[in-house]
PDB file of N, CA and C in Angstrom:
ATOM      1  N   MET A   1      71.682 166.157 -15.749  1.00  0.00           N
ATOM      2  CA  MET A   1      73.004 166.805 -14.509  1.00  0.00           C
ATOM      3  C   MET A   1      73.162 168.095 -14.854  1.00  0.00           C
ATOM      4  N   SER A   2      73.858 167.813 -13.869  1.00  0.00           N
ATOM      5  CA  SER A   2      73.644 169.297 -13.533  1.00  0.00           C
ATOM      6  C   SER A   2      75.148 170.243 -13.916  1.00  0.00           C
ATOM      7  N   ILE A   3      74.623 170.968 -14.019  1.00  0.00           N
ATOM      8  CA  ILE A   3      76.256 172.096 -14.238  1.00  0.00           C
ATOM      9  C   ILE A   3      76.661 172.939 -13.832  1.00  0.00           C
ATOM     10  N   SER A   4      77.600 173.266 -12.792  1.00  0.00           N
ATOM     11  CA  SER A   4      78.026 174.097 -11.873  1.00  0.00           C
ATOM     12  C   SER A   4      78.224 175.934 -12.449  1.00  0.00           C
ATOM     13  N   VAL A   5      78.778 176.354 -11.637  1.00  0.00           N
ATOM     14  CA  VAL A   5      78.834 177.408 -12.203  1.00  0.00           C
ATOM     15  C   VAL A   5      79.907 176.972 -12.673  1.00  0.00           C
ATOM     16  N   PHE A   6      80.885 176.837 -12.198  1.00  0.00           N
ATOM     17  CA  PHE A   6      82.464 176.926 -12.484  1.00  0.00           C
ATOM     18  C   PHE A   6      83.125 176.142 -13.712  1.00  0.00           C
ATOM     19  N   ASP A   7      81.347 175.368 -14.172  1.00  0.00           N
ATOM     20  CA  ASP A   7      81.701 175.160 -15.434  1.00  0.00           C
ATOM     21  C   ASP A   7      81.456 175.582 -16.789  1.00  0.00           C
ATOM     22  N   ILE A   8      79.866 176.692 -16.333  1.00  0.00           N
ATOM     23  CA  ILE A   8      79.958 177.087 -17.438  1.00  0.00           C
ATOM     24  C   ILE A   8      80.573 178.936 -17.427  1.00  0.00           C
ATOM     25  N   LEU A   9      81.391 179.421 -16.156  1.00  0.00           N
ATOM     26  CA  LEU A   9      81.763 180.254 -16.688  1.00  0.00           C
ATOM     27  C   LEU A   9      83.394 179.736 -16.786  1.00  0.00           C
ATOM     28  N   ARG A  10      84.457 179.884 -17.966  1.00  0.00           N
ATOM     29  CA  ARG A  10      85.722 178.903 -17.909  1.00  0.00           C
ATOM     30  C   ARG A  10      86.624 180.134 -17.287  1.00  0.00           C
ATOM     31  N   ARG A  11      86.517 181.228 -18.066  1.00  0.00           N
ATOM     32  CA  ARG A  11      87.375 182.115 -17.602  1.00  0.00           C
ATOM     33  C   ARG A  11      87.444 183.646 -17.800  1.00  0.00           C
ATOM     34  N   PRO A  12      87.169 185.038 -17.644  1.00  0.00           N
ATOM     35  CA  PRO A  12      86.889 186.011 -18.378  1.00  0.00           C
ATOM     36  C   PRO A  12      88.064 186.490 -19.220  1.00  0.00           C
ATOM     37  N   VAL A  13      87.357 186.689 -19.995  1.00  0.00           N
ATOM     38  CA  VAL A  13      87.960 187.906 -21.278  1.00  0.00           C
ATOM     39  C   VAL A  13      88.979 189.062 -21.119  1.00  0.00           C
ATOM     40  N   VAL A  14      90.370 189.411 -20.823  1.00  0.00           N
ATOM     41  CA  VAL A  14      90.962 190.355 -20.523  1.00  0.00           C
ATOM     42  C   VAL A  14      91.699 190.703 -21.697  1.00  0.00           C
ATOM     43  N   THR A  15      91.112 191.902 -22.349  1.00  0.00           N
ATOM     44  CA  THR A  15      91.052 192.974 -23.202  1.00  0.00           C
ATOM     45  C   THR A  15      91.531 194.047 -23.206  1.00  0.00           C
ATOM     46  N   GLU A  16      91.948 195.268 -24.482  1.00  0.00           N
ATOM     47  CA  GLU A  16      91.733 196.165 -24.418  1.00  0.00           C
ATOM     48  C   GLU A  16      90.113 196.268 -24.970  1.00  0.00           C
ATOM     49  N   LYS A  17      89.054 195.698 -25.321  1.00  0.00           N
ATOM     50  CA  LYS A  17      88.150 195.808 -25.571  1.00  0.00           C
ATOM     51  C   LYS A  17      87.135 195.788 -24.319  1.00  0.00           C
ATOM     52  N   SER A  18      87.469 194.583 -24.045  1.00  0.00           N
ATOM     53  CA  SER A  18      86.991 194.250 -23.261  1.00  0.00           C
ATOM     54  C   SER A  18      87.209 194.739 -21.564  1.00  0.00           C
ATOM     55  N   ASN A  19      88.096 195.471 -21.532  1.00  0.00           N
ATOM     56  CA  ASN A  19      88.489 196.294 -20.648  1.00  0.00           C
ATOM     57  C   ASN A  19      87.964 197.945 -20.616  1.00  0.00           C
ATOM     58  N   TYR A  20      87.905 198.014 -22.141  1.00  0.00           N
ATOM     59  CA  TYR A  20      86.602 199.098 -22.143  1.00  0.00           C
ATOM     60  C   TYR A  20      84.953 199.465 -22.234  1.00  0.00           C
ATOM     61  N   LEU A  21      84.428 198.040 -22.532  1.00  0.00           N
ATOM     62  CA  LEU A  21      82.600 197.556 -22.628  1.00  0.00           C
ATOM     63  C   LEU A  21      82.877 197.376 -20.573  1.00  0.00           C
ATOM     64  N   ALA A  22      83.791 197.277 -19.654  1.00  0.00           N
ATOM     65  CA  ALA A  22      83.491 197.559 -18.330  1.00  0.00           C
ATOM     66  C   ALA A  22      83.696 198.655 -18.148  1.00  0.00           C
ATOM     67  N   SER A  23      84.250 199.321 -18.136  1.00  0.00           N
ATOM     68  CA  SER A  23      84.648 200.937 -17.240  1.00  0.00           C
ATOM     69  C   SER A  23      83.413 201.398 -18.060  1.00  0.00           C
ATOM     70  N   LYS A  24      82.833 201.399 -19.239  1.00  0.00           N
ATOM     71  CA  LYS A  24      81.963 202.284 -20.202  1.00  0.00           C
ATOM     72  C   LYS A  24      80.992 202.268 -19.996  1.00  0.00           C
ATOM     73  N   LEU A  25      80.582 200.952 -20.535  1.00  0.00           N
ATOM     74  CA  LEU A  25      78.840 200.010 -20.541  1.00  0.00           C
ATOM     75  C   LEU A  25      78.574 199.685 -19.556  1.00  0.00           C
ATOM     76  N   GLY A  26      79.197 198.579 -18.631  1.00  0.00           N
ATOM     77  CA  GLY A  26      79.223 198.238 -17.890  1.00  0.00           C
ATOM     78  C   GLY A  26      79.180 196.571 -18.540  1.00  0.00           C
ATOM     79  N   GLN A  27      79.268 195.752 -19.037  1.00  0.00           N
ATOM     80  CA  GLN A  27      79.674 194.967 -19.375  1.00  0.00           C
ATOM     81  C   GLN A  27      81.065 193.767 -20.141  1.00  0.00           C
ATOM     82  N   TYR A  28      80.390 192.763 -19.640  1.00  0.00           N
ATOM     83  CA  TYR A  28      81.958 191.778 -18.797  1.00  0.00           C
ATOM     84  C   TYR A  28      81.538 190.972 -20.225  1.00  0.00           C
ATOM     85  N   VAL A  29      83.194 190.114 -20.118  1.00  0.00           N
ATOM     86  CA  VAL A  29      83.189 189.525 -21.134  1.00  0.00           C
ATOM     87  C   VAL A  29      84.265 187.972 -21.101  1.00  0.00           C
ATOM     88  N   PHE A  30      83.056 186.887 -21.160  1.00  0.00           N
ATOM     89  CA  PHE A  30      83.689 185.198 -20.339  1.00  0.00           C
ATOM     90  C   PHE A  30      83.341 184.529 -21.626  1.00  0.00           C
ATOM     91  N   GLU A  31      84.637 183.354 -21.465  1.00  0.00           N
ATOM     92  CA  GLU A  31      84.849 182.309 -22.136  1.00  0.00           C
ATOM     93  C   GLU A  31      83.733 181.693 -21.678  1.00  0.00           C
ATOM     94  N   VAL A  32      82.802 180.324 -22.072  1.00  0.00           N
ATOM     95  CA  VAL A  32      82.067 179.949 -21.306  1.00  0.00           C
ATOM     96  C   VAL A  32      82.157 178.630 -22.779  1.00  0.00           C
ATOM     97  N   ARG A  33      81.650 178.241 -22.172  1.00  0.00           N
ATOM     98  CA  ARG A  33      81.328 176.116 -22.286  1.00  0.00           C
ATOM     99  C   ARG A  33      80.649 176.389 -23.637  1.00  0.00           C
ATOM    100  N   SER A  34      80.359 175.260 -25.213  1.00  0.00           N
ATOM    101  CA  SER A  34      80.096 175.629 -25.734  1.00  0.00           C
ATOM    102  C   SER A  34      78.790 174.714 -25.890  1.00  0.00           C
ATOM    103  N   GLU A  35      77.951 174.333 -24.324  1.00  0.00           N
ATOM    104  CA  GLU A  35      77.147 173.560 -25.146  1.00  0.00           C
ATOM    105  C   GLU A  35      75.655 174.644 -24.071  1.00  0.00           C
ATOM    106  N   VAL A  36      76.133 175.481 -23.671  1.00  0.00           N
ATOM    107  CA  VAL A  36      75.612 176.281 -22.542  1.00  0.00           C
ATOM    108  C   VAL A  36      75.077 177.822 -23.684  1.00  0.00           C
ATOM    109  N   THR A  37      73.051 177.854 -23.133  1.00  0.00           N
ATOM    110  CA  THR A  37      72.553 178.965 -23.364  1.00  0.00           C
ATOM    111  C   THR A  37      72.497 179.941 -22.517  1.00  0.00           C
ATOM    112  N   ARG A  38      72.255 181.373 -23.010  1.00  0.00           N
ATOM    113  CA  ARG A  38      71.902 182.644 -22.567  1.00  0.00           C
ATOM    114  C   ARG A  38      71.716 182.595 -21.063  1.00  0.00           C
ATOM    115  N   GLU A  39      70.448 181.528 -21.087  1.00  0.00           N
ATOM    116  CA  GLU A  39      69.672 181.696 -19.982  1.00  0.00           C
ATOM    117  C   GLU A  39      70.455 180.400 -18.456  1.00  0.00           C
ATOM    118  N   GLN A  40      71.519 179.984 -18.726  1.00  0.00           N
ATOM    119  CA  GLN A  40      72.588 179.734 -18.026  1.00  0.00           C
ATOM    120  C   GLN A  40      73.862 180.227 -17.898  1.00  0.00           C
ATOM    121  N   VAL A  41      74.261 181.345 -18.670  1.00  0.00           N
ATOM    122  CA  VAL A  41      74.793 181.859 -18.603  1.00  0.00           C
ATOM    123  C   VAL A  41      74.426 183.368 -17.084  1.00  0.00           C
ATOM    124  N   LYS A  42      73.910 183.528 -17.494  1.00  0.00           N
ATOM    125  CA  LYS A  42      72.203 184.845 -17.006  1.00  0.00           C
ATOM    126  C   LYS A  42      72.935 183.939 -15.075  1.00  0.00           C
ATOM    127  N   THR A  43      71.838 182.798 -15.619  1.00  0.00           N
ATOM    128  CA  THR A  43      72.362 182.437 -13.464  1.00  0.00           C
ATOM    129  C   THR A  43      73.541 181.649 -13.282  1.00  0.00           C
ATOM    130  N   ALA A  44      74.038 182.118 -13.781  1.00  0.00           N
ATOM    131  CA  ALA A  44      75.537 181.625 -13.131  1.00  0.00           C
ATOM    132  C   ALA A  44      76.329 182.869 -12.786  1.00  0.00           C
ATOM    133  N   VAL A  45      76.574 183.534 -13.826  1.00  0.00           N
ATOM    134  CA  VAL A  45      76.787 185.187 -13.472  1.00  0.00           C
ATOM    135  C   VAL A  45      75.968 185.994 -12.220  1.00  0.00           C
ATOM    136  N   GLU A  46      74.970 185.722 -11.956  1.00  0.00           N
ATOM    137  CA  GLU A  46      73.917 185.917 -11.168  1.00  0.00           C
ATOM    138  C   GLU A  46      74.728 185.864  -9.900  1.00  0.00           C
ATOM    139  N   THR A  47      74.459 183.970  -9.798  1.00  0.00           N
ATOM    140  CA  THR A  47      74.571 183.308  -8.713  1.00  0.00           C
ATOM    141  C   THR A  47      76.645 183.923  -7.821  1.00  0.00           C
ATOM    142  N   ALA A  48      77.039 183.595  -8.686  1.00  0.00           N
ATOM    143  CA  ALA A  48      78.660 183.720  -8.721  1.00  0.00           C
ATOM    144  C   ALA A  48      79.208 184.778  -8.027  1.00  0.00           C
ATOM    145  N   PHE A  49      78.808 185.923  -8.834  1.00  0.00           N
ATOM    146  CA  PHE A  49      78.936 187.708  -8.826  1.00  0.00           C
ATOM    147  C   PHE A  49      77.911 188.465  -7.830  1.00  0.00           C
ATOM    148  N   ASP A  50      77.186 187.656  -7.568  1.00  0.00           N
ATOM    149  CA  ASP A  50      75.433 188.386  -6.730  1.00  0.00           C
ATOM    150  C   ASP A  50      75.401 190.209  -7.320  1.00  0.00           C
ATOM    151  N   VAL A  51      75.072 189.777  -8.301  1.00  0.00           N
ATOM    152  CA  VAL A  51      75.090 191.038  -9.275  1.00  0.00           C
ATOM    153  C   VAL A  51      73.624 190.909 -10.220  1.00  0.00           C
ATOM    154  N   ASP A  52      72.679 191.540 -10.791  1.00  0.00           N
ATOM    155  CA  ASP A  52      72.152 191.701 -11.737  1.00  0.00           C
ATOM    156  C   ASP A  52      72.681 191.686 -13.334  1.00  0.00           C
ATOM    157  N   VAL A  53      71.997 190.620 -13.889  1.00  0.00           N
ATOM    158  CA  VAL A  53      72.326 190.970 -15.166  1.00  0.00           C
ATOM    159  C   VAL A  53      70.941 191.298 -16.312  1.00  0.00           C
ATOM    160  N   VAL A  54      70.860 191.997 -17.089  1.00  0.00           N
ATOM    161  CA  VAL A  54      70.352 192.706 -17.921  1.00  0.00           C
ATOM    162  C   VAL A  54      70.183 191.299 -19.105  1.00  0.00           C
ATOM    163  N   ARG A  55      71.723 191.548 -19.701  1.00  0.00           N
ATOM    164  CA  ARG A  55      71.542 190.616 -20.486  1.00  0.00           C
ATOM    165  C   ARG A  55      72.036 190.003 -21.498  1.00  0.00           C
ATOM    166  N   VAL A  56      72.327 189.181 -22.175  1.00  0.00           N
ATOM    167  CA  VAL A  56      73.676 187.935 -22.674  1.00  0.00           C
ATOM    168  C   VAL A  56      74.011 187.701 -23.627  1.00  0.00           C
ATOM    169  N   ASN A  57      74.713 188.340 -24.475  1.00  0.00           N
ATOM    170  CA  ASN A  57      74.533 188.490 -25.654  1.00  0.00           C
ATOM    171  C   ASN A  57      75.870 187.482 -26.071  1.00  0.00           C
ATOM    172  N   ILE A  58      75.576 186.156 -26.784  1.00  0.00           N
ATOM    173  CA  ILE A  58      76.872 184.751 -27.007  1.00  0.00           C
ATOM    174  C   ILE A  58      77.360 185.027 -28.215  1.00  0.00           C
ATOM    175  N   ILE A  59      78.615 185.064 -28.614  1.00  0.00           N
ATOM    176  CA  ILE A  59      79.111 185.230 -29.998  1.00  0.00           C
ATOM    177  C   ILE A  59      79.941 183.408 -30.170  1.00  0.00           C
ATOM    178  N   ASN A  60      79.803 183.160 -31.344  1.00  0.00           N
ATOM    179  CA  ASN A  60      81.200 181.862 -31.485  1.00  0.00           C
ATOM    180  C   ASN A  60      81.785 182.514 -32.116  1.00  0.00           C
ATOM    181  N   MET A  61      83.094 182.058 -31.612  1.00  0.00           N
ATOM    182  CA  MET A  61      84.525 182.072 -31.897  1.00  0.00           C
ATOM    183  C   MET A  61      85.146 181.320 -32.855  1.00  0.00           C
ATOM    184  N   PRO A  62      85.548 181.978 -34.095  1.00  0.00           N
ATOM    185  CA  PRO A  62      85.642 180.962 -34.914  1.00  0.00           C
ATOM    186  C   PRO A  62      87.274 180.775 -34.869  1.00  0.00           C
ATOM    187  N   ALA A  63      87.992 178.817 -35.207  1.00  0.00           N
ATOM    188  CA  ALA A  63      89.181 179.009 -34.539  1.00  0.00           C
ATOM    189  C   ALA A  63      89.735 179.479 -36.264  1.00  0.00           C
ATOM    190  N   LYS A  64      91.156 179.919 -35.571  1.00  0.00           N
ATOM    191  CA  LYS A  64      92.574 180.440 -36.432  1.00  0.00           C
ATOM    192  C   LYS A  64      93.145 179.557 -36.356  1.00  0.00           C
ATOM    193  N   ALA A  65      94.279 179.602 -37.641  1.00  0.00           N
ATOM    194  CA  ALA A  65      94.924 179.639 -38.184  1.00  0.00           C
ATOM    195  C   ALA A  65      96.194 180.043 -38.272  1.00  0.00           C
ATOM    196  N   HIS A  66      97.767 179.928 -37.676  1.00  0.00           N
ATOM    197  CA  HIS A  66      98.567 180.667 -37.179  1.00  0.00           C
ATOM    198  C   HIS A  66      99.322 180.061 -38.183  1.00  0.00           C
ATOM    199  N   ARG A  67     101.230 180.142 -38.760  1.00  0.00           N
ATOM    200  CA  ARG A  67     102.039 180.274 -38.589  1.00  0.00           C
ATOM    201  C   ARG A  67     103.403 180.147 -37.678  1.00  0.00           C
ATOM    202  N   ASN A  68     103.230 178.856 -37.535  1.00  0.00           N
ATOM    203  CA  ASN A  68     104.699 178.511 -36.253  1.00  0.00           C
ATOM    204  C   ASN A  68     105.682 180.027 -36.448  1.00  0.00           C
ATOM    205  N   SER A  69     106.946 180.688 -35.188  1.00  0.00           N
ATOM    206  CA  SER A  69     107.532 181.305 -35.938  1.00  0.00           C
ATOM    207  C   SER A  69     109.063 181.070 -35.936  1.00  0.00           C
ATOM    208  N   ARG A  70     109.195 179.638 -35.481  1.00  0.00           N
ATOM    209  CA  ARG A  70     110.080 178.889 -35.943  1.00  0.00           C
ATOM    210  C   ARG A  70     110.985 178.445 -36.920  1.00  0.00           C
ATOM    211  N   THR A  71     110.031 177.623 -37.559  1.00  0.00           N
ATOM    212  CA  THR A  71     109.631 177.459 -39.088  1.00  0.00           C
ATOM    213  C   THR A  71     109.056 177.806 -40.196  1.00  0.00           C
ATOM    214  N   ARG A  72     108.321 178.267 -40.047  1.00  0.00           N
ATOM    215  CA  ARG A  72     107.341 179.002 -40.347  1.00  0.00           C
ATOM    216  C   ARG A  72     106.346 178.408 -42.085  1.00  0.00           C
ATOM    217  N   ARG A  73     106.940 177.062 -41.428  1.00  0.00           N
ATOM    218  CA  ARG A  73     106.491 175.484 -42.465  1.00  0.00           C
ATOM    219  C   ARG A  73     104.749 175.240 -41.591  1.00  0.00           C
ATOM    220  N   LEU A  74     104.943 175.269 -41.003  1.00  0.00           N
ATOM    221  CA  LEU A  74     104.089 174.165 -39.317  1.00  0.00           C
ATOM    222  C   LEU A  74     102.915 175.651 -39.898  1.00  0.00           C
ATOM    223  N   VAL A  75     101.598 174.999 -39.700  1.00  0.00           N
ATOM    224  CA  VAL A  75     100.166 176.317 -39.058  1.00  0.00           C
ATOM    225  C   VAL A  75     100.107 175.585 -37.949  1.00  0.00           C
ATOM    226  N   VAL A  76      99.721 176.168 -37.724  1.00  0.00           N
ATOM    227  CA  VAL A  76      98.964 175.937 -36.556  1.00  0.00           C
ATOM    228  C   VAL A  76      97.847 175.906 -35.926  1.00  0.00           C
ATOM    229  N   ARG A  77      96.732 175.642 -35.801  1.00  0.00           N
ATOM    230  CA  ARG A  77      95.270 176.270 -35.752  1.00  0.00           C
ATOM    231  C   ARG A  77      94.989 175.981 -33.841  1.00  0.00           C
ATOM    232  N   ASN A  78      94.669 176.719 -33.713  1.00  0.00           N
ATOM    233  CA  ASN A  78      93.819 177.013 -32.113  1.00  0.00           C
ATOM    234  C   ASN A  78      92.668 176.748 -32.563  1.00  0.00           C
ATOM    235  N   SER A  79      91.750 176.483 -31.412  1.00  0.00           N
ATOM    236  CA  SER A  79      90.493 176.013 -31.360  1.00  0.00           C
ATOM    237  C   SER A  79      89.423 176.787 -31.252  1.00  0.00           C
ATOM    238  N   GLY A  80      88.301 176.833 -32.080  1.00  0.00           N
ATOM    239  CA  GLY A  80      87.227 178.130 -31.429  1.00  0.00           C
ATOM    240  C   GLY A  80      87.092 177.598 -29.825  1.00  0.00           C
ATOM    241  N   TYR A  81      86.474 179.249 -30.035  1.00  0.00           N
ATOM    242  CA  TYR A  81      85.538 179.406 -28.386  1.00  0.00           C
ATOM    243  C   TYR A  81      83.536 179.413 -28.633  1.00  0.00           C
ATOM    244  N   LYS A  82      83.150 179.404 -26.962  1.00  0.00           N
ATOM    245  CA  LYS A  82      81.936 180.545 -27.384  1.00  0.00           C
ATOM    246  C   LYS A  82      82.286 181.366 -25.791  1.00  0.00           C
ATOM    247  N   LYS A  83      81.637 182.263 -26.171  1.00  0.00           N
ATOM    248  CA  LYS A  83      82.449 183.771 -25.396  1.00  0.00           C
ATOM    249  C   LYS A  83      80.516 184.509 -24.888  1.00  0.00           C
ATOM    250  N   ALA A  84      80.440 184.907 -23.880  1.00  0.00           N
ATOM    251  CA  ALA A  84      79.120 186.170 -23.214  1.00  0.00           C
ATOM    252  C   ALA A  84      79.974 186.956 -23.451  1.00  0.00           C
ATOM    253  N   ILE A  85      79.016 188.038 -23.843  1.00  0.00           N
ATOM    254  CA  ILE A  85      78.864 189.628 -23.594  1.00  0.00           C
ATOM    255  C   ILE A  85      77.686 189.331 -21.874  1.00  0.00           C
ATOM    256  N   VAL A  86      77.894 190.017 -20.710  1.00  0.00           N
ATOM    257  CA  VAL A  86      77.009 190.185 -20.378  1.00  0.00           C
ATOM    258  C   VAL A  86      76.960 191.720 -19.734  1.00  0.00           C
ATOM    259  N   THR A  87      75.987 192.524 -19.534  1.00  0.00           N
ATOM    260  CA  THR A  87      74.897 193.219 -19.527  1.00  0.00           C
ATOM    261  C   THR A  87      74.462 193.399 -17.994  1.00  0.00           C
ATOM    262  N   LEU A  88      75.723 194.648 -17.107  1.00  0.00           N
ATOM    263  CA  LEU A  88      75.023 193.913 -15.639  1.00  0.00           C
ATOM    264  C   LEU A  88      73.397 196.174 -15.570  1.00  0.00           C
ATOM    265  N   LYS A  89      73.218 195.303 -14.804  1.00  0.00           N
ATOM    266  CA  LYS A  89      72.383 196.314 -14.090  1.00  0.00           C
ATOM    267  C   LYS A  89      73.152 198.122 -14.344  1.00  0.00           C
ATOM    268  N   PRO A  90      73.033 198.827 -14.435  1.00  0.00           N
ATOM    269  CA  PRO A  90      73.526 200.229 -13.761  1.00  0.00           C
ATOM    270  C   PRO A  90      73.557 200.257 -12.444  1.00  0.00           C
ATOM    271  N   GLY A  91      75.001 200.098 -11.671  1.00  0.00           N
ATOM    272  CA  GLY A  91      75.364 200.182 -10.288  1.00  0.00           C
ATOM    273  C   GLY A  91      76.028 199.406 -10.007  1.00  0.00           C
ATOM    274  N   ASP A  92      76.010 198.034 -10.593  1.00  0.00           N
ATOM    275  CA  ASP A  92      76.473 196.745 -10.689  1.00  0.00           C
ATOM    276  C   ASP A  92      77.960 196.564 -11.171  1.00  0.00           C
ATOM    277  N   SER A  93      79.108 196.018 -10.863  1.00  0.00           N
ATOM    278  CA  SER A  93      80.201 195.682 -10.770  1.00  0.00           C
ATOM    279  C   SER A  93      80.074 194.322 -10.831  1.00  0.00           C
ATOM    280  N   ILE A  94      81.496 194.028 -10.955  1.00  0.00           N
ATOM    281  CA  ILE A  94      82.360 192.753 -11.394  1.00  0.00           C
ATOM    282  C   ILE A  94      83.491 192.804 -10.228  1.00  0.00           C
ATOM    283  N   PRO A  95      83.498 192.555  -9.307  1.00  0.00           N
ATOM    284  CA  PRO A  95      85.129 192.180  -8.583  1.00  0.00           C
ATOM    285  C   PRO A  95      86.677 192.057  -9.518  1.00  0.00           C
ATOM    286  N   VAL A  96      86.109 191.191 -10.114  1.00  0.00           N
ATOM    287  CA  VAL A  96      87.686 190.373 -11.013  1.00  0.00           C
ATOM    288  C   VAL A  96      88.178 191.334 -12.036  1.00  0.00           C
ATOM    289  N   PHE A  97      87.464 192.325 -13.154  1.00  0.00           N
ATOM    290  CA  PHE A  97      87.059 192.876 -14.064  1.00  0.00           C
ATOM    291  C   PHE A  97      88.122 194.464 -13.419  1.00  0.00           C
ATOM    292  N   GLU A  98      88.047 195.528 -11.733  1.00  0.00           N
ATOM    293  CA  GLU A  98      88.231 196.069 -10.952  1.00  0.00           C
ATOM    294  C   GLU A  98      90.095 195.804 -11.186  1.00  0.00           C
ATOM    295  N   GLY A  99      90.547 197.188 -11.298  1.00  0.00           N
ATOM    296  CA  GLY A  99      91.562 197.624 -11.543  1.00  0.00           C
ATOM    297  C   GLY A  99      92.783 196.908 -12.253  1.00  0.00           C
ATOM    298  N   VAL A 100      91.905 196.113 -13.432  1.00  0.00           N
ATOM    299  CA  VAL A 100      92.847 195.859 -14.282  1.00  0.00           C
ATOM    300  C   VAL A 100      92.494 197.071 -15.849  1.00  0.00           C
ATOM    301  N   GLU A 101      93.914 196.995 -15.472  1.00  0.00           N
ATOM    302  CA  GLU A 101      93.742 198.360 -16.886  1.00  0.00           C
ATOM    303  C   GLU A 101      95.175 198.215 -18.422  1.00  0.00           C
TER     304      GLU A 101
END
């Protein structure tokens, strides 16, 4: 079964830290499918955005539990996910992250 590019890359992760990584180091952060490998992420980013990928780091983010703000008794658990930090060749950029600060 072939997985498309848009199935591999779920969404970009836009936080203060990811904005810093994008502007200073040329690293972009994506939430990816839990089954994908580094090579699949690399080919997906290269084909989707037409850039050269130097390195891919993958992190499994754990699930977190927190209390609901209304009742204070109900514990809500969000599921864990896998994120990929993609380092691009110097000079390349992804326009999705441009102008977001």
